[in-house]
Each structure stands twice: as C-alpha cells, then as structure tokens.
Amino acid sequence: MDSNGLFSNLNDKQTEAVLSTEGYIRVVAGAGSGKTRALTARYAYLVEELGVSPSNILCITFTNKAAREMKNRLRRMLGDGIDTSFVSTLHSFCIRVLKEDIGRLFYPENFIVLDTAD
C-alpha cells in the first residue's frame, strides 16, 4: 500500500491521529466527520507501515454499521486475508470478553444478554 495514498483523504487532525503511535488514541467527533476513515487509515498504517500484527490491534467503534464499514475498507486496503476479528463494537467486544471469562466471576457460562425487546 502506498502510504501517500493512505493520507490523501485525511485532514491534518486525522493524519495526526493516524501517525500517533505511542499509547492509546481516542477519536471523538461528530457524525460524518471522518472517524471511520481515520481509524481505518490508522489500522492500515500500523499493519502495513509499522508491521504490527492485526491480532495486536483492538479497534472499537460504537455502531455495527461503522464496524462493518471498517472491516470492509480494511479488506479492500489490505486484502481479504486480513484478520479483522478485533475490529468490533464496544458491545460485541465486551460480550466476547464475558464469554471467555464469565466463569471467573462465578456466573454461568451459558449466560444471555437481554435487550429492550426482551
């Protein structure tokens, strides 16, 4: 991937978020401001330019739509074989952690999460 192409659709603040590699980063912005674009570019930059394994990147967003879009964009940018299993919504990630470790809290492993319809 050409890193110049990676930054071509980003503004200065988005580029800063992509290039910040020390510690965690949180992107908070309004609807339509390019959060998904910036997070996707950051993920691709970490994988392609810095050699970080996708299994070492946790990329959390709030909506299922944004998570799906990020996964689709990453597959287009990095290829279909890219592991996007840690690109998810906050809720799906928390469910994943609970399913792995709920027994440590002495809760039954066959728990279910109720939504407002339930």
Protein backbone atom coordinates (compact mmCIF):
# COMPACT_ATOMS: atom_id res chain seq x y z
CA MET A 1 0.00 0.00 0.00
CA ASP A 2 1.21 3.48 -0.81
CA SER A 3 1.28 5.44 2.45
CA ASN A 4 0.86 8.68 0.49
CA GLY A 5 -2.48 7.36 -0.78
CA LEU A 6 -3.39 6.44 2.77
CA PHE A 7 -3.21 10.10 3.83
CA SER A 8 -4.66 11.69 0.70
CA ASN A 9 -8.23 11.79 2.05
CA LEU A 10 -7.36 12.86 5.60
CA ASN A 11 -7.26 16.32 7.12
CA ASP A 12 -4.45 17.45 9.45
CA LYS A 13 -6.09 16.23 12.67
CA GLN A 14 -6.95 12.87 11.12
CA THR A 15 -3.39 12.47 9.87
CA GLU A 16 -2.12 13.29 13.35
CA ALA A 17 -4.36 10.55 14.79
CA VAL A 18 -3.08 8.03 12.23
CA LEU A 19 0.58 8.83 12.86
CA SER A 20 0.36 8.89 16.68
CA THR A 21 1.88 5.54 17.59
CA GLU A 22 2.70 5.84 21.28
CA GLY A 23 -0.04 4.74 23.65
CA TYR A 24 -3.75 4.66 23.04
CA ILE A 25 -5.73 7.04 20.92
CA ARG A 26 -9.36 8.06 21.18
CA VAL A 27 -11.12 9.75 18.29
CA VAL A 28 -14.22 11.70 19.26
CA ALA A 29 -16.02 13.72 16.62
CA GLY A 30 -19.46 14.34 15.18
CA ALA A 31 -21.36 12.37 12.56
CA GLY A 32 -19.85 12.47 9.10
CA SER A 33 -16.54 13.92 10.29
CA GLY A 34 -14.37 11.03 9.10
CA LYS A 35 -13.87 8.98 12.29
CA THR A 36 -14.22 5.67 10.45
CA ARG A 37 -11.87 6.86 7.69
CA ALA A 38 -9.24 7.95 10.25
CA LEU A 39 -9.47 4.76 12.32
CA THR A 40 -9.27 2.59 9.21
CA ALA A 41 -6.24 4.51 7.94
CA ARG A 42 -4.58 4.19 11.36
CA TYR A 43 -5.15 0.43 11.40
CA ALA A 44 -3.77 0.07 7.86
CA TYR A 45 -0.77 2.27 8.74
CA LEU A 46 0.04 0.19 11.81
CA VAL A 47 -0.17 -3.07 9.84
CA GLU A 48 1.44 -2.07 6.56
CA GLU A 49 3.97 0.57 7.55
CA LEU A 50 4.91 -0.47 11.09
CA GLY A 51 4.45 -4.23 10.80
CA VAL A 52 2.02 -4.57 13.71
CA SER A 53 0.06 -7.82 13.66
CA PRO A 54 -3.71 -7.32 13.32
CA SER A 55 -4.13 -9.68 16.28
CA ASN A 56 -2.44 -6.98 18.40
CA ILE A 57 -4.83 -4.19 17.40
CA LEU A 58 -8.12 -3.59 19.17
CA CYS A 59 -10.25 -1.21 17.14
CA ILE A 60 -13.52 -0.31 18.84
CA THR A 61 -16.39 1.71 17.44
CA PHE A 62 -19.92 2.26 18.69
CA THR A 63 -22.19 1.15 15.83
CA ASN A 64 -22.44 -2.11 13.91
CA LYS A 65 -22.58 -0.06 10.71
CA ALA A 66 -19.21 1.59 11.45
CA ALA A 67 -17.61 -1.73 12.44
CA ARG A 68 -18.81 -3.41 9.22
CA GLU A 69 -17.63 -0.46 7.15
CA MET A 70 -14.21 -0.52 8.80
CA LYS A 71 -13.83 -4.25 8.16
CA ASN A 72 -14.85 -3.83 4.51
CA ARG A 73 -12.45 -0.93 3.97
CA LEU A 74 -9.60 -2.83 5.64
CA ARG A 75 -10.18 -5.84 3.40
CA ARG A 76 -10.10 -3.57 0.34
CA MET A 77 -6.93 -1.86 1.57
CA LEU A 78 -5.03 -4.84 2.98
CA GLY A 79 -6.54 -7.86 1.23
CA ASP A 80 -9.22 -10.41 2.03
CA GLY A 81 -6.89 -12.45 4.26
CA ILE A 82 -6.56 -9.71 6.88
CA ASP A 83 -7.69 -10.69 10.38
CA THR A 84 -10.32 -8.14 11.42
CA SER A 85 -11.63 -10.10 14.39
CA PHE A 86 -10.63 -7.33 16.82
CA VAL A 87 -12.49 -4.65 14.86
CA SER A 88 -15.84 -4.51 16.61
CA THR A 89 -18.34 -2.51 18.55
CA LEU A 90 -17.82 -1.89 22.22
CA HIS A 91 -20.79 -4.11 22.99
CA SER A 92 -19.67 -7.07 20.90
CA PHE A 93 -16.15 -6.87 22.32
CA CYS A 94 -17.50 -6.88 25.89
CA ILE A 95 -19.68 -9.90 25.11
CA ARG A 96 -16.63 -11.66 23.70
CA VAL A 97 -14.64 -10.99 26.88
CA LEU A 98 -17.53 -12.12 29.07
CA LYS A 99 -17.94 -15.35 27.10
CA GLU A 100 -14.27 -16.12 27.61
CA ASP A 101 -14.06 -15.20 31.30
CA ILE A 102 -17.54 -15.20 32.86
CA GLY A 103 -16.71 -18.34 34.86
CA ARG A 104 -14.03 -16.45 36.75
CA LEU A 105 -16.81 -14.26 38.13
CA PHE A 106 -18.76 -17.38 39.17
CA TYR A 107 -21.54 -16.72 36.68
CA PRO A 108 -22.91 -19.49 34.45
CA GLU A 109 -21.11 -19.80 31.12
CA ASN A 110 -24.39 -20.06 29.21
CA PHE A 111 -25.48 -16.51 30.09
CA ILE A 112 -27.55 -14.41 27.69
CA VAL A 113 -27.75 -10.67 27.23
CA LEU A 114 -31.24 -9.21 27.20
CA ASP A 115 -32.09 -6.23 25.06
CA THR A 116 -35.04 -3.86 25.33
CA ALA A 117 -37.24 -6.21 23.27
CA ASP A 118 -36.67 -8.98 25.83
